[in-house]
Protein backbone atom coordinates (compact mmCIF):
# COMPACT_ATOMS: atom_id res chain seq x y z
CA MET A 1 -5.02 13.89 -4.92
CA ASN A 2 -5.09 13.93 -1.15
CA SER A 3 -1.95 12.23 0.18
CA GLU A 4 -3.14 12.18 3.81
CA PRO A 5 -3.53 8.62 5.17
CA ALA A 6 -7.11 7.38 5.23
CA SER A 7 -6.88 6.56 8.94
CA SER A 8 -5.94 10.16 9.69
CA ALA A 9 -8.77 11.61 7.56
CA ARG A 10 -11.53 9.67 9.30
CA ARG A 11 -13.67 11.71 11.65
CA ILE A 12 -13.54 9.55 14.77
CA GLY A 13 -13.97 12.21 17.44
CA VAL A 14 -16.61 11.75 20.12
CA ALA A 15 -17.52 14.01 23.05
CA LEU A 16 -17.94 12.74 26.59
CA ARG A 17 -21.44 13.13 27.98
CA GLY A 18 -21.88 16.01 30.39
CA ASP A 19 -24.05 14.06 32.84
CA LEU A 20 -21.39 11.51 33.79
CA GLN A 21 -20.41 11.41 37.47
CA VAL A 22 -16.62 11.23 37.85
CA VAL A 23 -14.54 10.64 40.98
CA HIS A 24 -10.75 10.89 41.12
CA GLN A 25 -9.13 8.04 43.08
CA ARG A 26 -5.52 7.14 43.80
CA ARG A 27 -4.70 3.46 44.35
CA HIS A 28 -1.33 1.74 44.48
CA GLY A 29 0.40 4.93 43.41
CA GLU A 30 -1.72 5.39 40.27
CA ASP A 31 -4.52 7.85 39.55
CA HIS A 32 -7.84 6.54 38.26
CA ALA A 33 -11.12 8.05 37.12
CA VAL A 34 -14.21 6.18 38.35
CA ILE A 35 -17.10 7.07 36.05
CA LYS A 36 -20.76 6.41 36.86
CA ASP A 37 -23.35 6.42 34.10
CA PRO A 38 -26.53 7.86 35.70
CA HIS A 39 -28.72 6.17 33.08
CA SER A 40 -27.44 2.59 33.20
CA LEU A 41 -26.14 2.99 36.81
CA ARG A 42 -22.96 1.20 35.71
CA PHE A 43 -19.41 2.09 36.75
CA PHE A 44 -16.36 2.31 34.50
CA GLU A 45 -12.68 2.93 35.20
CA MET A 46 -9.90 4.47 33.17
CA SER A 47 -6.56 5.97 34.04
CA TRP A 48 -6.70 9.62 35.08
CA PRO A 49 -4.46 10.76 32.17
CA ASP A 50 -6.72 8.93 29.70
CA PHE A 51 -9.78 10.56 31.23
CA ASN A 52 -8.20 14.02 30.94
CA LEU A 53 -7.42 13.37 27.29
CA ALA A 54 -10.91 11.95 26.68
CA SER A 55 -12.39 15.12 28.20
CA CYS A 56 -10.74 17.12 25.42
CA LEU A 57 -12.24 15.05 22.60
CA GLN A 58 -14.40 16.95 20.10
CA GLN A 59 -17.30 15.45 18.16
CA GLY A 60 -16.40 14.70 14.55
CA ALA A 61 -12.69 15.55 14.83
CA THR A 62 -10.04 13.69 12.87
CA PRO A 63 -7.04 12.08 14.63
CA PRO A 64 -4.66 14.93 13.61
CA GLU A 65 -7.14 17.49 14.90
CA ILE A 66 -7.48 15.60 18.18
CA VAL A 67 -3.69 15.41 18.60
CA ALA A 68 -3.30 19.12 17.85
CA ASP A 69 -5.97 19.91 20.42
CA TRP A 70 -4.28 17.65 22.99
CA ARG A 71 -0.90 19.31 22.46
CA ARG A 72 -2.52 22.68 22.99
CA GLN A 73 -4.59 21.81 26.08
CA MET A 74 -2.60 18.95 27.67
CA PRO A 75 1.07 19.46 26.71
CA ALA A 76 2.38 17.61 29.77
CA LEU A 77 0.44 14.44 28.86
CA CYS A 78 1.68 14.59 25.26
CA ALA A 79 5.35 15.18 26.06
CA GLY A 80 7.71 12.57 24.64
CA GLN A 81 5.12 11.05 22.27
CA ASP A 82 5.10 11.49 18.51
CA ASP A 83 1.96 12.25 16.53
CA ALA A 84 1.55 8.67 15.30
CA ALA A 85 1.46 7.28 18.87
CA LEU A 86 -0.99 9.98 19.96
CA GLU A 87 -3.24 9.29 16.98
CA ARG A 88 -3.37 5.60 17.92
CA ARG A 89 -4.20 6.63 21.49
CA ALA A 90 -6.96 8.90 20.18
CA GLU A 91 -8.47 6.07 18.14
CA ARG A 92 -8.35 3.75 21.14
CA LEU A 93 -10.00 6.29 23.44
CA CYS A 94 -12.72 7.23 20.95
CA GLU A 95 -13.53 3.58 20.33
CA ALA A 96 -13.71 2.84 24.07
CA VAL A 97 -15.86 5.88 24.88
CA HIS A 98 -18.29 5.01 22.09
CA ARG A 99 -18.40 1.29 22.95
CA LEU A 100 -19.14 1.98 26.62
CA GLY A 101 -21.92 4.42 25.78
CA LEU A 102 -20.20 7.40 27.38
CA CYS A 103 -20.34 9.77 24.39
CA GLU A 104 -23.01 12.33 23.57
CA ASP A 105 -24.60 10.44 20.68
CA SER A 106 -25.08 7.35 22.91
CA ARG A 107 -27.28 9.14 25.47
CA PRO A 108 -30.62 7.32 25.84
CA ALA A 109 -33.39 9.05 23.94
CA ARG A 110 -35.90 10.98 25.98
CA SER A 111 -39.32 9.47 26.49
CA ALA A 112 -42.20 10.58 24.34
CA ALA A 113 -44.13 13.71 25.21
CA PRO A 114 -47.11 13.17 27.52
CA ALA A 115 -49.58 14.06 24.76
CA THR A 116 -48.38 11.13 22.63
CA LEU A 117 -48.38 8.50 25.38
CA GLY A 118 -50.96 5.72 25.29
CA TRP A 119 -53.06 4.79 28.30
CA THR A 120 -50.75 1.88 29.20
CA ALA A 121 -47.74 4.22 29.19
CA TRP A 122 -49.66 6.68 31.36
CA LEU A 123 -50.46 3.90 33.85
CA SER A 124 -46.84 2.74 33.88
CA ARG A 125 -45.57 6.28 34.46
CA GLY A 126 -48.14 6.83 37.22
CA ALA A 127 -47.19 3.58 38.95
CA ARG A 128 -43.51 4.58 38.91
CA ARG A 129 -44.29 7.96 40.43
CA VAL A 130 -46.47 6.46 43.15
CA SER A 131 -43.92 3.79 44.02
CA ALA A 132 -40.89 6.11 43.83
CA PRO A 133 -40.94 6.94 47.59
CA MET A 134 -40.79 3.20 48.28
CA PHE A 135 -37.42 2.83 46.53
CA VAL A 136 -35.08 5.57 47.74
CA ARG A 137 -31.29 5.11 47.64
CA VAL A 138 -28.61 7.11 49.42
CA ARG A 139 -24.96 6.53 48.47
CA LEU A 140 -22.64 6.32 51.50
CA PHE A 141 -19.10 5.66 50.25
CA ASP A 142 -16.86 3.84 47.76
CA PRO A 143 -15.67 0.54 49.34
CA ASP A 144 -13.45 -0.66 46.50
CA GLU A 145 -10.09 0.14 48.09
CA PHE A 146 -11.20 -1.30 51.44
CA LEU A 147 -12.42 -4.52 49.81
CA THR A 148 -9.21 -4.83 47.79
CA ARG A 149 -7.18 -4.94 51.02
CA PHE A 150 -9.17 -7.76 52.58
CA VAL A 151 -10.52 -9.80 49.67
CA ALA A 152 -7.52 -12.17 49.72
CA HIS A 153 -8.54 -13.34 53.19
CA TRP A 154 -12.09 -14.12 52.02
CA ARG A 155 -11.29 -15.69 48.63
CA PRO A 156 -11.29 -19.30 50.01
CA ILE A 157 -15.02 -19.06 50.78
CA PHE A 158 -15.67 -18.84 47.02
CA SER A 159 -13.95 -22.15 46.30
CA ARG A 160 -15.73 -25.31 45.22
CA THR A 161 -15.06 -26.91 48.61
CA ALA A 162 -16.70 -24.01 50.40
CA ALA A 163 -19.71 -24.27 48.07
CA ILE A 164 -20.13 -27.97 48.90
CA VAL A 165 -19.89 -27.28 52.64
CA ALA A 166 -22.45 -24.46 52.34
CA ALA A 167 -24.85 -26.67 50.36
CA ALA A 168 -24.55 -29.42 52.98
CA PHE A 169 -25.23 -26.91 55.77
CA VAL A 170 -28.35 -25.61 53.99
CA LEU A 171 -29.62 -29.16 53.43
CA VAL A 172 -29.13 -30.14 57.10
CA SER A 173 -30.82 -26.91 58.22
CA LEU A 174 -33.78 -27.55 55.92
CA LEU A 175 -34.23 -31.08 57.23
CA ALA A 176 -34.07 -29.79 60.80
CA CYS A 177 -36.74 -27.20 60.05
CA LEU A 178 -39.03 -29.76 58.41
CA GLY A 179 -38.89 -31.83 61.59
CA GLN A 180 -40.00 -28.90 63.75
CA LEU A 181 -42.71 -27.21 61.69
CA ASP A 182 -45.19 -27.11 64.59
CA GLU A 183 -42.77 -25.21 66.82
CA MET A 184 -41.88 -22.80 63.99
CA ARG A 185 -45.41 -21.63 63.20
CA LEU A 186 -46.05 -17.99 63.96
CA HIS A 187 -49.38 -16.96 65.37
CA SER A 188 -51.11 -13.65 64.76
CA GLU A 189 -50.69 -12.56 68.37
CA TRP A 190 -46.91 -12.79 67.92
CA PHE A 191 -47.03 -9.69 65.70
CA ALA A 192 -49.04 -7.77 68.29
CA VAL A 193 -45.95 -7.50 70.48
CA GLY A 194 -43.84 -4.47 69.54
CA GLN A 195 -40.58 -6.09 70.61
CA ASN A 196 -41.19 -9.02 68.26
CA VAL A 197 -41.80 -6.75 65.26
CA LEU A 198 -38.71 -4.68 66.10
CA ALA A 199 -36.61 -7.85 66.38
CA LEU A 200 -37.98 -9.01 63.02
CA TYR A 201 -37.03 -5.74 61.30
CA LEU A 202 -33.57 -5.69 62.86
CA GLY A 203 -33.01 -9.31 61.88
CA ILE A 204 -33.96 -8.60 58.26
CA LEU A 205 -31.64 -5.58 58.27
CA VAL A 206 -28.69 -7.63 59.58
CA LEU A 207 -29.36 -10.43 57.08
CA LYS A 208 -29.53 -7.87 54.26
CA VAL A 209 -26.15 -6.42 55.26
CA ILE A 210 -24.61 -9.91 55.26
CA HIS A 211 -26.28 -10.78 51.95
CA GLU A 212 -25.13 -7.62 50.15
CA SER A 213 -21.62 -7.94 51.62
CA GLY A 214 -21.48 -11.38 50.04
CA HIS A 215 -22.23 -9.85 46.63
CA ALA A 216 -19.49 -7.26 47.13
CA LEU A 217 -16.89 -9.82 48.22
CA ALA A 218 -17.79 -12.18 45.37
CA CYS A 219 -17.46 -9.38 42.84
CA LYS A 220 -14.01 -8.43 44.17
CA ALA A 221 -12.83 -12.03 44.51
CA LEU A 222 -13.65 -12.67 40.85
CA GLY A 223 -11.88 -9.54 39.58
CA GLY A 224 -14.64 -6.93 39.55
CA HIS A 225 -14.94 -3.52 41.19
CA VAL A 226 -17.45 -2.27 43.75
CA HIS A 227 -17.71 1.52 43.78
CA GLU A 228 -20.95 2.16 45.62
CA VAL A 229 -22.58 1.04 48.85
CA GLY A 230 -25.36 2.76 50.68
CA ALA A 231 -28.72 2.67 52.39
CA GLN A 232 -32.07 2.35 50.69
CA LEU A 233 -35.72 2.48 51.59
CA LEU A 234 -37.23 -0.66 50.09
CA ALA A 235 -41.01 -0.69 50.47
CA PHE A 236 -40.62 1.61 53.51
CA HIS A 237 -38.12 -0.80 55.06
CA PRO A 238 -34.53 0.48 55.54
CA THR A 239 -31.96 -1.88 54.02
CA PHE A 240 -28.39 -1.94 52.70
CA PHE A 241 -27.28 -2.16 49.06
CA VAL A 242 -24.10 -2.54 47.02
CA ASP A 243 -23.57 -1.85 43.32
CA VAL A 244 -22.00 -4.83 41.54
CA SER A 245 -22.71 -3.72 37.97
CA ALA A 246 -19.15 -4.80 37.12
CA VAL A 247 -20.46 -8.36 36.72
CA GLU A 248 -21.96 -7.33 33.37
CA ALA A 249 -18.45 -7.10 31.95
CA MET A 250 -17.51 -10.59 33.14
CA THR A 251 -18.12 -13.93 31.47
CA SER A 252 -21.48 -15.59 31.94
CA LEU A 253 -19.90 -18.24 34.18
CA VAL A 254 -18.45 -15.67 36.55
CA GLY A 255 -21.62 -13.60 36.44
CA ASP A 256 -23.78 -16.61 37.32
CA SER A 257 -21.59 -17.43 40.30
CA LEU A 258 -22.29 -13.99 41.79
CA PHE A 259 -26.04 -14.54 41.84
């Protein structure tokens, strides 16, 4: 009869996907791995030692096999820990990697071959290809550390009092606009002046920067992370974007407040 514990005999090993984009960051004296999933476009964080250990995981391995592999490849990270503690760490890492969809068997399946696609799928694919140049994104930098330094100064604007003041301001502005509709009408000749069109585009660009900055600050103020900001071409119009995919991990109440 096999006397090995059942928990040790289970094949829990998973392998990290090879297409993940990983950046090493150091914050507050600790090393972190920031992982971007190119399929879901979501970001994940784990400690740098955990990421190094997760990189050594093998598909279908048992906890003892994982620990033996760790001791061989990462002896410094395993020093001072007994096998039982490392096996628990292996189980925790494998469960997390699988749950977050970062392992090989969780990669989204490829789309069907062109010969098997129906006419609606062909139209959808064609529309995406035609519209692709209209939605181009260029990543500029990771603002998370910068936002962390200054978010405390901005947190009061996300209070209930600030929300009431903002709602009152919007209501007063709307009433003021309703009383001056004649003066606010734009005529076709207005768009014939190049300076007016340029001012319109610049105004939209500035408003977009303010709008997206609000998303980033809200995400940080409510405990999320923002690891990507950049420029994008939206319907041939240059704009600014931030990635706040961290809201998906928050409660529905917090998530709703960001939008």
